[in-house]
Protein backbone atom coordinates (compact mmCIF):
# COMPACT_ATOMS: atom_id res chain seq x y z
CA UNK A 1 107.36 -9.35 61.68
CA UNK A 2 105.28 -12.19 63.22
CA UNK A 3 102.21 -10.16 62.60
CA UNK A 4 103.14 -9.70 58.96
CA UNK A 5 103.86 -13.40 58.57
CA UNK A 6 100.54 -14.23 60.11
CA UNK A 7 98.83 -11.92 57.68
CA UNK A 8 100.62 -13.59 54.79
CA UNK A 9 99.65 -17.03 56.09
CA UNK A 10 96.07 -15.95 56.43
CA UNK A 11 96.03 -14.67 52.88
CA UNK A 12 97.64 -17.76 51.42
CA UNK A 13 95.31 -20.13 53.24
CA UNK A 14 92.18 -18.09 52.90
CA UNK A 15 89.31 -19.61 51.04
CA UNK A 16 89.03 -18.41 47.43
CA UNK A 17 86.72 -15.55 46.72
CA UNK A 18 83.30 -16.57 45.44
CA UNK A 19 82.93 -16.43 41.68
CA UNK A 20 80.93 -13.47 40.41
CA UNK A 21 77.31 -14.38 39.89
CA UNK A 22 76.11 -14.70 36.34
CA UNK A 23 73.61 -12.16 35.08
CA UNK A 24 70.02 -13.24 35.42
CA UNK A 25 69.33 -12.66 31.72
CA UNK A 26 71.45 -13.35 28.69
CA UNK A 27 70.70 -13.29 25.03
CA UNK A 28 70.67 -16.79 23.56
CA UNK A 29 74.08 -17.63 22.20
CA UNK A 30 76.20 -20.64 21.41
CA UNK A 31 79.18 -20.99 23.74
CA UNK A 32 82.07 -23.37 23.40
CA UNK A 33 83.51 -24.60 26.68
CA UNK A 34 87.19 -23.77 26.97
CA UNK A 35 88.14 -25.10 30.40
CA UNK A 36 90.69 -27.90 30.74
CA UNK A 37 88.07 -30.25 32.11
CA UNK A 38 85.58 -29.74 29.31
CA UNK A 39 85.46 -30.96 25.75
CA UNK A 40 86.11 -28.36 23.06
CA UNK A 41 83.44 -29.93 20.88
CA UNK A 42 80.64 -29.44 23.37
CA UNK A 43 78.18 -26.73 22.35
CA UNK A 44 75.88 -25.06 24.89
CA UNK A 45 73.05 -22.58 24.51
CA UNK A 46 72.21 -20.24 27.40
CA UNK A 47 68.48 -19.57 27.29
CA UNK A 48 66.46 -16.84 28.97
CA UNK A 49 65.79 -19.11 31.95
CA UNK A 50 69.52 -19.75 32.52
CA UNK A 51 69.05 -23.33 31.32
CA UNK A 52 71.95 -24.85 29.48
CA UNK A 53 70.94 -26.95 26.53
CA UNK A 54 73.39 -29.22 24.75
CA UNK A 55 73.61 -29.00 20.99
CA UNK A 56 74.97 -31.40 18.42
CA UNK A 57 78.63 -30.72 17.58
CA UNK A 58 78.92 -28.44 14.57
CA UNK A 59 80.37 -29.93 11.42
CA UNK A 60 84.03 -29.08 11.02
CA UNK A 61 84.74 -27.36 7.71
CA UNK A 62 88.06 -28.91 6.71
CA UNK A 63 90.40 -27.26 4.26
CA UNK A 64 91.11 -29.07 1.03
CA UNK A 65 94.63 -30.19 0.30
CA UNK A 66 95.07 -30.99 -3.42
CA UNK A 67 98.32 -32.78 -2.59
CA UNK A 68 96.44 -35.32 -0.46
CA UNK A 69 95.86 -38.40 -2.63
CA UNK A 70 92.82 -39.59 -0.69
CA UNK A 71 91.11 -36.19 -0.89
CA UNK A 72 91.81 -36.00 -4.62
CA UNK A 73 90.31 -39.44 -5.11
CA UNK A 74 87.15 -38.48 -3.22
CA UNK A 75 86.67 -35.28 -5.22
CA UNK A 76 87.22 -36.92 -8.59
CA UNK A 77 84.96 -39.79 -7.63
CA UNK A 78 82.17 -37.34 -6.68
CA UNK A 79 82.50 -35.75 -10.13
CA UNK A 80 82.76 -39.01 -12.07
CA UNK A 81 80.08 -39.99 -14.57
CA UNK A 82 79.74 -43.45 -13.06
CA UNK A 83 78.98 -42.06 -9.59
CA UNK A 84 75.22 -41.93 -9.10
CA UNK A 85 74.19 -38.90 -7.01
CA UNK A 86 72.14 -39.42 -3.86
CA UNK A 87 69.30 -37.41 -5.40
CA UNK A 88 68.47 -36.52 -9.01
CA UNK A 89 67.82 -32.80 -8.89
CA UNK A 90 66.40 -30.50 -11.59
CA UNK A 91 64.40 -33.37 -13.13
CA UNK A 92 61.67 -33.75 -10.51
CA UNK A 93 58.87 -32.72 -12.87
CA UNK A 94 59.82 -35.20 -15.61
CA UNK A 95 60.31 -38.00 -13.07
CA UNK A 96 56.87 -37.34 -11.61
CA UNK A 97 55.20 -37.59 -15.05
CA UNK A 98 56.85 -40.97 -15.73
CA UNK A 99 56.18 -42.26 -12.21
CA UNK A 100 52.48 -41.36 -12.30
CA UNK A 101 52.17 -43.07 -15.68
CA UNK A 102 53.72 -46.26 -14.30
CA UNK A 103 51.57 -46.12 -11.16
CA UNK A 104 48.44 -45.91 -13.28
CA UNK A 105 49.47 -48.94 -15.33
CA UNK A 106 50.21 -51.03 -12.22
CA UNK A 107 47.08 -49.94 -10.38
CA UNK A 108 44.72 -50.70 -13.29
CA UNK A 109 46.75 -53.65 -14.64
CA UNK A 110 46.84 -51.93 -18.00
CA UNK A 111 49.69 -51.98 -20.53
CA UNK A 112 51.03 -48.75 -21.95
CA UNK A 113 54.00 -47.12 -23.61
CA UNK A 114 55.94 -43.94 -23.00
CA UNK A 115 58.78 -42.39 -24.99
CA UNK A 116 61.47 -40.28 -23.34
CA UNK A 117 63.60 -38.09 -25.57
CA UNK A 118 66.20 -35.39 -25.12
CA UNK A 119 69.75 -34.41 -25.95
CA UNK A 120 72.62 -36.48 -24.53
CA UNK A 121 73.58 -35.69 -20.95
CA UNK A 122 70.18 -34.39 -19.84
CA UNK A 123 69.55 -36.96 -17.09
CA UNK A 124 67.25 -39.39 -18.93
CA UNK A 125 68.88 -42.66 -17.90
CA UNK A 126 69.61 -41.43 -14.37
CA UNK A 127 66.00 -40.36 -13.92
CA UNK A 128 64.74 -43.76 -15.03
CA UNK A 129 66.82 -45.47 -12.37
CA UNK A 130 65.20 -43.23 -9.79
CA UNK A 131 61.70 -43.89 -11.20
CA UNK A 132 62.22 -47.65 -10.94
CA UNK A 133 63.24 -47.31 -7.31
CA UNK A 134 60.27 -45.06 -6.48
CA UNK A 135 57.81 -47.32 -8.31
CA UNK A 136 58.87 -50.44 -6.41
CA UNK A 137 58.69 -48.57 -3.08
CA UNK A 138 55.21 -47.29 -3.94
CA UNK A 139 53.93 -50.74 -4.97
CA UNK A 140 55.20 -52.23 -1.72
CA UNK A 141 53.57 -49.55 0.43
CA UNK A 142 50.30 -49.59 -1.55
CA UNK A 143 50.01 -53.39 -1.46
CA UNK A 144 50.19 -53.99 -5.23
CA UNK A 145 52.11 -56.92 -6.73
CA UNK A 146 55.66 -55.80 -7.42
CA UNK A 147 56.18 -55.36 -11.16
CA UNK A 148 58.99 -57.28 -12.80
CA UNK A 149 61.65 -54.92 -14.15
CA UNK A 150 63.75 -55.37 -17.28
CA UNK A 151 66.37 -52.76 -18.17
CA UNK A 152 67.93 -53.12 -21.60
CA UNK A 153 70.61 -51.00 -23.22
CA UNK A 154 69.88 -51.62 -26.88
CA UNK A 155 73.48 -51.01 -27.93
CA UNK A 156 74.45 -54.23 -26.13
CA UNK A 157 72.20 -56.40 -28.32
CA UNK A 158 73.94 -58.50 -30.96
CA UNK A 159 70.77 -58.42 -33.08
CA UNK A 160 67.94 -55.94 -32.69
CA UNK A 161 65.41 -58.77 -32.39
CA UNK A 162 67.24 -60.09 -29.31
CA UNK A 163 65.21 -57.68 -27.21
CA UNK A 164 62.22 -60.02 -27.53
CA UNK A 165 64.34 -62.88 -26.22
CA UNK A 166 65.20 -60.82 -23.15
CA UNK A 167 61.53 -59.94 -22.55
CA UNK A 168 60.54 -63.58 -22.90
CA UNK A 169 63.28 -64.59 -20.46
CA UNK A 170 61.82 -62.36 -17.74
CA UNK A 171 58.24 -63.57 -18.25
CA UNK A 172 58.33 -67.13 -16.90
CA UNK A 173 54.64 -67.86 -17.53
CA UNK A 174 55.15 -69.30 -20.99
CA UNK A 175 54.11 -72.93 -21.43
CA UNK A 176 55.61 -75.55 -23.70
CA UNK A 177 58.56 -74.88 -25.92
CA UNK A 178 57.42 -74.22 -29.43
CA UNK A 179 59.24 -73.70 -32.68
CA UNK A 180 58.27 -70.05 -33.00
CA UNK A 181 60.24 -66.86 -32.59
CA UNK A 182 60.35 -65.07 -29.23
CA UNK A 183 58.22 -62.29 -30.71
CA UNK A 184 55.54 -64.74 -31.81
CA UNK A 185 55.53 -66.36 -28.39
CA UNK A 186 55.05 -62.99 -26.71
CA UNK A 187 52.25 -62.05 -29.10
CA UNK A 188 50.51 -65.37 -28.44
CA UNK A 189 50.99 -65.03 -24.68
CA UNK A 190 49.50 -61.52 -24.56
CA UNK A 191 46.52 -62.61 -26.65
CA UNK A 192 45.23 -64.93 -23.92
CA UNK A 193 44.41 -64.39 -20.29
CA UNK A 194 47.17 -65.30 -17.89
CA UNK A 195 47.11 -66.27 -14.24
CA UNK A 196 49.99 -63.88 -13.50
CA UNK A 197 49.04 -60.42 -12.32
CA UNK A 198 52.55 -59.02 -12.21
CA UNK A 199 53.15 -56.18 -14.63
CA UNK A 200 56.42 -56.05 -16.56
CA UNK A 201 58.25 -52.72 -16.68
CA UNK A 202 60.59 -52.58 -19.68
CA UNK A 203 63.08 -49.70 -19.84
CA UNK A 204 64.75 -49.77 -23.25
CA UNK A 205 67.63 -47.28 -23.28
CA UNK A 206 69.27 -46.11 -26.53
CA UNK A 207 66.05 -47.06 -28.30
CA UNK A 208 67.10 -45.47 -31.60
CA UNK A 209 69.58 -48.33 -32.00
CA UNK A 210 66.58 -50.53 -32.86
CA UNK A 211 65.76 -48.43 -35.95
CA UNK A 212 66.23 -50.86 -38.84
CA UNK A 213 65.58 -50.41 -42.53
CA UNK A 214 61.97 -51.58 -42.31
CA UNK A 215 61.57 -50.42 -38.67
CA UNK A 216 59.86 -53.73 -37.90
CA UNK A 217 61.56 -54.39 -34.54
CA UNK A 218 60.76 -50.95 -33.16
CA UNK A 219 57.17 -51.17 -34.35
CA UNK A 220 56.63 -54.69 -33.01
CA UNK A 221 58.09 -53.70 -29.64
CA UNK A 222 55.56 -50.91 -29.09
CA UNK A 223 52.75 -53.07 -30.50
CA UNK A 224 53.25 -55.54 -27.63
CA UNK A 225 51.44 -53.04 -25.38
CA UNK A 226 48.30 -53.14 -27.59
CA UNK A 227 47.42 -56.82 -27.10
CA UNK A 228 44.31 -57.44 -24.98
CA UNK A 229 46.09 -59.24 -22.12
CA UNK A 230 49.47 -57.50 -22.35
CA UNK A 231 51.16 -56.68 -19.06
CA UNK A 232 53.98 -54.59 -20.59
CA UNK A 233 54.79 -51.09 -19.40
CA UNK A 234 57.25 -50.00 -22.08
CA UNK A 235 59.48 -46.97 -21.59
CA UNK A 236 61.72 -46.16 -24.52
CA UNK A 237 64.63 -43.76 -24.00
CA UNK A 238 66.47 -42.14 -26.92
CA UNK A 239 68.06 -38.92 -28.14
CA UNK A 240 65.82 -38.51 -31.22
CA UNK A 241 63.12 -36.00 -30.35
CA UNK A 242 60.85 -36.87 -33.29
CA UNK A 243 61.35 -40.65 -33.28
CA UNK A 244 57.68 -41.35 -32.50
CA UNK A 245 56.49 -39.19 -35.39
CA UNK A 246 59.06 -40.36 -37.94
CA UNK A 247 59.35 -44.07 -37.20
CA UNK A 248 56.06 -45.07 -35.59
CA UNK A 249 53.34 -43.64 -37.87
CA UNK A 250 51.31 -46.84 -37.75
CA UNK A 251 51.02 -46.59 -33.97
CA UNK A 252 49.27 -43.26 -34.39
CA UNK A 253 46.77 -44.78 -36.80
CA UNK A 254 46.12 -47.59 -34.28
CA UNK A 255 45.60 -45.03 -31.51
CA UNK A 256 48.53 -46.37 -29.49
CA UNK A 257 51.13 -43.69 -30.00
CA UNK A 258 53.32 -43.52 -26.87
CA UNK A 259 53.19 -40.59 -24.48
CA UNK A 260 56.21 -38.36 -25.14
CA UNK A 261 58.23 -36.80 -22.30
CA UNK A 262 60.97 -34.41 -23.40
CA UNK A 263 64.07 -33.72 -21.30
CA UNK A 264 65.28 -30.23 -22.15
CA UNK A 265 68.94 -29.29 -22.12
CA UNK A 266 70.14 -28.17 -18.70
CA UNK A 267 70.24 -24.43 -18.07
CA UNK A 268 73.13 -22.59 -16.44
CA UNK A 269 71.38 -22.49 -13.06
CA UNK A 270 70.51 -26.20 -13.23
CA UNK A 271 74.09 -27.22 -14.09
CA UNK A 272 75.41 -25.09 -11.25
CA UNK A 273 72.95 -26.63 -8.80
CA UNK A 274 73.82 -30.19 -9.86
CA UNK A 275 77.55 -29.52 -9.48
CA UNK A 276 77.00 -28.00 -6.03
CA UNK A 277 74.82 -30.96 -4.99
CA UNK A 278 77.62 -33.37 -5.88
CA UNK A 279 80.26 -31.30 -4.08
CA UNK A 280 78.15 -30.60 -0.98
CA UNK A 281 78.83 -34.12 0.25
CA UNK A 282 82.52 -33.26 0.69
CA UNK A 283 83.70 -31.77 4.01
CA UNK A 284 85.81 -29.09 2.29
CA UNK A 285 85.57 -26.46 -0.44
CA UNK A 286 87.22 -27.49 -3.69
CA UNK A 287 86.07 -24.92 -6.27
CA UNK A 288 85.87 -21.17 -6.29
CA UNK A 289 82.20 -20.33 -6.83
CA UNK A 290 82.97 -18.17 -9.86
CA UNK A 291 84.77 -21.14 -11.44
CA UNK A 292 81.66 -23.31 -11.17
CA UNK A 293 79.56 -20.47 -12.58
CA UNK A 294 81.87 -20.15 -15.58
CA UNK A 295 81.67 -23.87 -16.25
CA UNK A 296 77.88 -23.90 -15.95
CA UNK A 297 77.48 -20.86 -18.21
CA UNK A 298 79.76 -22.21 -20.93
CA UNK A 299 78.33 -25.74 -20.96
CA UNK A 300 74.73 -24.45 -20.96
CA UNK A 301 75.48 -22.15 -23.90
CA UNK A 302 77.19 -24.94 -25.85
CA UNK A 303 75.03 -28.02 -25.30
CA UNK A 304 73.55 -28.30 -21.80
CA UNK A 305 75.25 -31.70 -21.51
CA UNK A 306 75.85 -32.42 -17.83
CA UNK A 307 78.45 -35.05 -18.69
CA UNK A 308 80.65 -32.35 -20.24
CA UNK A 309 80.35 -30.21 -17.12
CA UNK A 310 81.54 -33.07 -14.90
CA UNK A 311 84.47 -33.88 -17.19
CA UNK A 312 85.50 -30.21 -17.37
CA UNK A 313 85.45 -29.91 -13.57
CA UNK A 314 87.68 -32.96 -13.28
CA UNK A 315 90.00 -31.45 -15.88
CA UNK A 316 90.12 -28.17 -13.90
CA UNK A 317 91.36 -30.12 -10.87
CA UNK A 318 94.12 -31.54 -13.05
CA UNK A 319 95.03 -27.97 -14.08
CA UNK A 320 95.50 -27.10 -10.40
CA UNK A 321 97.62 -30.21 -9.84
CA UNK A 322 99.84 -29.31 -12.80
CA UNK A 323 100.22 -25.73 -11.55
CA UNK A 324 101.30 -26.88 -8.09
CA UNK A 325 103.82 -29.33 -9.53
CA UNK A 326 105.27 -26.75 -11.91
CA UNK A 327 105.46 -23.99 -9.29
CA UNK A 328 107.12 -26.26 -6.75
CA UNK A 329 109.61 -27.48 -9.34
CA UNK A 330 110.50 -23.95 -10.43
CA UNK A 331 110.90 -22.78 -6.84
CA UNK A 332 113.20 -25.57 -5.76
CA UNK A 333 115.24 -25.22 -8.96
CA UNK A 334 115.81 -21.51 -8.32
CA UNK A 335 116.72 -22.24 -4.69
CA UNK A 336 119.29 -24.79 -5.76
CA UNK A 337 120.90 -22.26 -8.11
CA UNK A 338 121.26 -19.74 -5.29
CA UNK A 339 123.25 -20.32 -2.16
CA UNK A 340 121.12 -22.19 0.31
CA UNK A 341 120.12 -20.12 3.31
CA UNK A 342 117.57 -20.33 6.09
CA UNK A 343 115.60 -17.55 4.44
CA UNK A 344 115.35 -19.50 1.17
CA UNK A 345 114.32 -22.64 3.00
CA UNK A 346 111.70 -20.68 4.89
CA UNK A 347 110.37 -19.30 1.59
CA UNK A 348 110.08 -22.82 0.19
CA UNK A 349 108.33 -24.01 3.32
CA UNK A 350 105.84 -21.12 3.18
CA UNK A 351 105.16 -21.81 -0.48
CA UNK A 352 104.45 -25.50 0.10
CA UNK A 353 102.21 -24.68 3.06
CA UNK A 354 100.25 -22.16 0.96
CA UNK A 355 99.82 -24.55 -1.96
CA UNK A 356 98.56 -27.36 0.28
CA UNK A 357 95.25 -25.54 0.77
CA UNK A 358 94.66 -24.06 -2.66
CA UNK A 359 91.33 -24.40 -4.50
CA UNK A 360 90.32 -24.64 -8.14
CA UNK A 361 90.12 -21.05 -9.37
CA UNK A 362 88.43 -19.47 -12.35
CA UNK A 363 91.66 -19.50 -14.39
CA UNK A 364 91.99 -23.26 -13.90
CA UNK A 365 88.40 -23.68 -15.12
CA UNK A 366 89.07 -21.47 -18.15
CA UNK A 367 92.07 -23.61 -19.09
CA UNK A 368 89.98 -26.78 -18.74
CA UNK A 369 87.25 -25.25 -20.90
CA UNK A 370 89.82 -24.38 -23.56
CA UNK A 371 90.52 -28.10 -23.97
CA UNK A 372 86.86 -28.76 -24.70
CA UNK A 373 85.52 -25.69 -26.48
CA UNK A 374 87.01 -23.37 -29.02
CA UNK A 375 85.32 -20.70 -31.15
CA UNK A 376 86.35 -17.98 -33.62
CA UNK A 377 85.23 -15.36 -31.08
CA UNK A 378 87.74 -16.70 -28.56
CA UNK A 379 90.54 -16.57 -31.12
CA UNK A 380 89.58 -13.00 -32.05
CA UNK A 381 89.61 -11.82 -28.43
CA UNK A 382 92.97 -13.48 -27.75
CA UNK A 383 94.52 -11.73 -30.76
CA UNK A 384 93.40 -8.25 -29.62
CA UNK A 385 95.88 -5.68 -28.27
CA UNK A 386 96.11 -5.47 -24.51
CA UNK A 387 93.99 -2.35 -24.01
CA UNK A 388 91.19 -3.62 -26.24
CA UNK A 389 91.03 -6.75 -24.11
CA UNK A 390 90.73 -4.54 -21.01
CA UNK A 391 87.85 -2.68 -22.68
CA UNK A 392 86.00 -5.97 -23.14
CA UNK A 393 86.66 -6.88 -19.51
CA UNK A 394 85.37 -3.52 -18.34
CA UNK A 395 82.26 -3.89 -20.51
CA UNK A 396 81.44 -7.25 -18.90
CA UNK A 397 82.03 -5.83 -15.44
CA UNK A 398 79.87 -2.83 -16.27
CA UNK A 399 77.02 -4.83 -17.84
CA UNK A 400 76.90 -7.55 -15.19
CA UNK A 401 73.30 -7.46 -14.01
CA UNK A 402 70.14 -6.09 -15.58
CA UNK A 403 71.81 -3.20 -17.41
CA UNK A 404 72.51 -4.12 -21.03
CA UNK A 405 73.98 -0.90 -22.42
CA UNK A 406 75.84 2.21 -21.29
CA UNK A 407 77.23 5.44 -22.66
CA UNK A 408 80.86 5.59 -23.75
CA UNK A 409 81.81 7.90 -20.86
CA UNK A 410 80.61 5.36 -18.27
CA UNK A 411 82.51 2.55 -19.97
CA UNK A 412 85.65 4.68 -20.03
CA UNK A 413 85.36 5.17 -16.28
CA UNK A 414 85.16 1.40 -15.72
CA UNK A 415 88.11 0.92 -18.07
CA UNK A 416 90.31 3.40 -16.15
CA UNK A 417 89.41 1.76 -12.82
CA UNK A 418 90.62 -1.65 -14.04
CA UNK A 419 93.78 -0.10 -15.50
CA UNK A 420 94.60 1.65 -12.23
CA UNK A 421 93.95 -1.46 -10.13
CA UNK A 422 96.23 -3.42 -12.48
CA UNK A 423 98.91 -0.66 -12.54
CA UNK A 424 98.47 -0.15 -16.28
CA UNK A 425 98.48 3.44 -17.62
CA UNK A 426 95.08 4.10 -19.28
CA UNK A 427 94.79 5.73 -22.69
CA UNK A 428 92.98 9.01 -23.27
CA UNK A 429 89.29 9.28 -24.08
CA UNK A 430 89.94 9.96 -27.80
CA UNK A 431 92.10 6.86 -28.25
CA UNK A 432 89.62 4.90 -26.14
CA UNK A 433 86.82 5.94 -28.52
CA UNK A 434 88.89 4.84 -31.53
CA UNK A 435 89.53 1.41 -29.95
CA UNK A 436 85.80 1.00 -29.28
CA UNK A 437 85.20 1.71 -32.98
CA UNK A 438 87.62 -1.11 -33.86
CA UNK A 439 85.81 -3.49 -31.50
CA UNK A 440 82.52 -2.45 -33.10
CA UNK A 441 83.90 -3.26 -36.56
CA UNK A 442 84.94 -6.72 -35.35
CA UNK A 443 81.44 -7.40 -34.01
CA UNK A 444 82.50 -7.63 -30.36
CA UNK A 445 80.51 -4.59 -29.20
CA UNK A 446 77.82 -2.42 -30.75
CA UNK A 447 78.55 1.30 -30.81
CA UNK A 448 75.62 3.69 -31.29
CA UNK A 449 75.58 7.13 -32.89
CA UNK A 450 75.58 10.49 -31.08
CA UNK A 451 76.74 14.04 -31.65
CA UNK A 452 79.11 13.73 -28.69
CA UNK A 453 81.49 10.79 -28.38
CA UNK A 454 80.94 10.47 -24.62
CA UNK A 455 77.20 9.94 -25.13
CA UNK A 456 77.43 7.11 -27.69
CA UNK A 457 75.62 3.95 -26.56
CA UNK A 458 77.73 0.79 -26.10
CA UNK A 459 76.20 -2.71 -26.07
CA UNK A 460 78.18 -6.00 -25.71
CA UNK A 461 77.71 -8.53 -28.50
CA UNK A 462 79.72 -11.44 -27.10
CA UNK A 463 79.03 -13.74 -24.17
CA UNK A 464 80.73 -13.02 -20.86
CA UNK A 465 81.91 -16.63 -20.73
CA UNK A 466 83.74 -16.26 -24.06
CA UNK A 467 85.64 -13.24 -22.76
CA UNK A 468 86.61 -15.00 -19.53
CA UNK A 469 87.47 -18.12 -21.47
CA UNK A 470 89.64 -16.23 -23.98
CA UNK A 471 91.61 -14.16 -21.50
CA UNK A 472 91.87 -16.92 -18.85
CA UNK A 473 94.42 -15.25 -16.59
CA UNK A 474 95.85 -11.80 -16.23
CA UNK A 475 95.93 -9.04 -13.67
CA UNK A 476 93.10 -7.07 -15.19
CA UNK A 477 91.12 -10.24 -15.96
CA UNK A 478 91.31 -11.55 -12.43
CA UNK A 479 90.33 -8.16 -11.05
CA UNK A 480 87.21 -8.15 -13.21
CA UNK A 481 86.30 -11.77 -12.49
CA UNK A 482 86.69 -11.73 -8.76
CA UNK A 483 84.70 -8.58 -8.06
């Protein structure tokens, strides 16, 4: 027994076994320390030379909780029209044209005029703010005198001629007070050499507001850049694409027609990129990607107005909020009607926990779009029988990509797959062919001719966004949208 006890004592007091040696070579990997004495945020890379290199902590991807008031405020603020993005994307080319024009005027101390036109919501005003910032930074770095800057929204003017008063107020080089109009003072000032070398950048937004019956104000404004000692760099911004041709014909005859820069309507890809740029600043995912794609596609097809896209996204968030409130209310009402039990309470708790981390889905976006856009095609699709709606869904799923047509047999196969996944009994091929003929008569698809029904060519004639928009939610619709 003493011998056994001694053995036990020796074992208990023996020094710990040495730790196994680490392999001499490891593939580079990122390891997170998990010992009690180490921080869980510390990242280490094991290199080929067994050297541990510390990395910056990885950004934590938080989950969005639509019931959190602060998170909701941040998301809606990021999508608000008044929130200026950190960078103006998808308008780099237009900004560069305007910036180079302004640089040339400042560098050569030469007046000039430029006219920016485009549909509403195409980034004109936002781009001009960026150009002003870039121009001042360039002038500082290049050692040129900083140009004075005057930004005027013409809709805020009580009288159209008040714009000359504002220009005169910026230019402090005028001499004695005289009993002449601000326009006459400016014309006199720019007819004589001045000691000031500062150029004056005038950005006149909503320029078409200055169109009067005789167009005198608009004409006189652009004519200020033609005087021999003028220091005006005039940039007019308006929605009228042909304003320069229609309202400033005399400028053309005087060889001082402004340079025209056109801002095209945003495309689907551009709208999607702008939305993602705004949302990338948030530490969590708010929208399902397909929902943003649907919004971008619909807005681009309708107008290309980025303002509408932002408003629709905000509305989609409100759809999610309403759904959560309604679902929670219905659940607790049904639980109150039944006898309260631990199982019921657990169900309610699970539901609330699930809803806390929901995101804006494609059906929320479709509902938000329905508040903004409506078309006869949408009404027609919504009035179709159930199986004809599934045929349209299967056609969009089948034609997604480069393929633009298919034979009837292939479409029938896609149709049966959606029916089976949605637990809906499919119809036979003959009835399917008859329903396709009805859709052809309504102008929703184009059905070709063939000796055999299965070989008839089918081509969609409606936009995928209209189908998604019309059907909004549904088991077969969600199956088509999400895959």
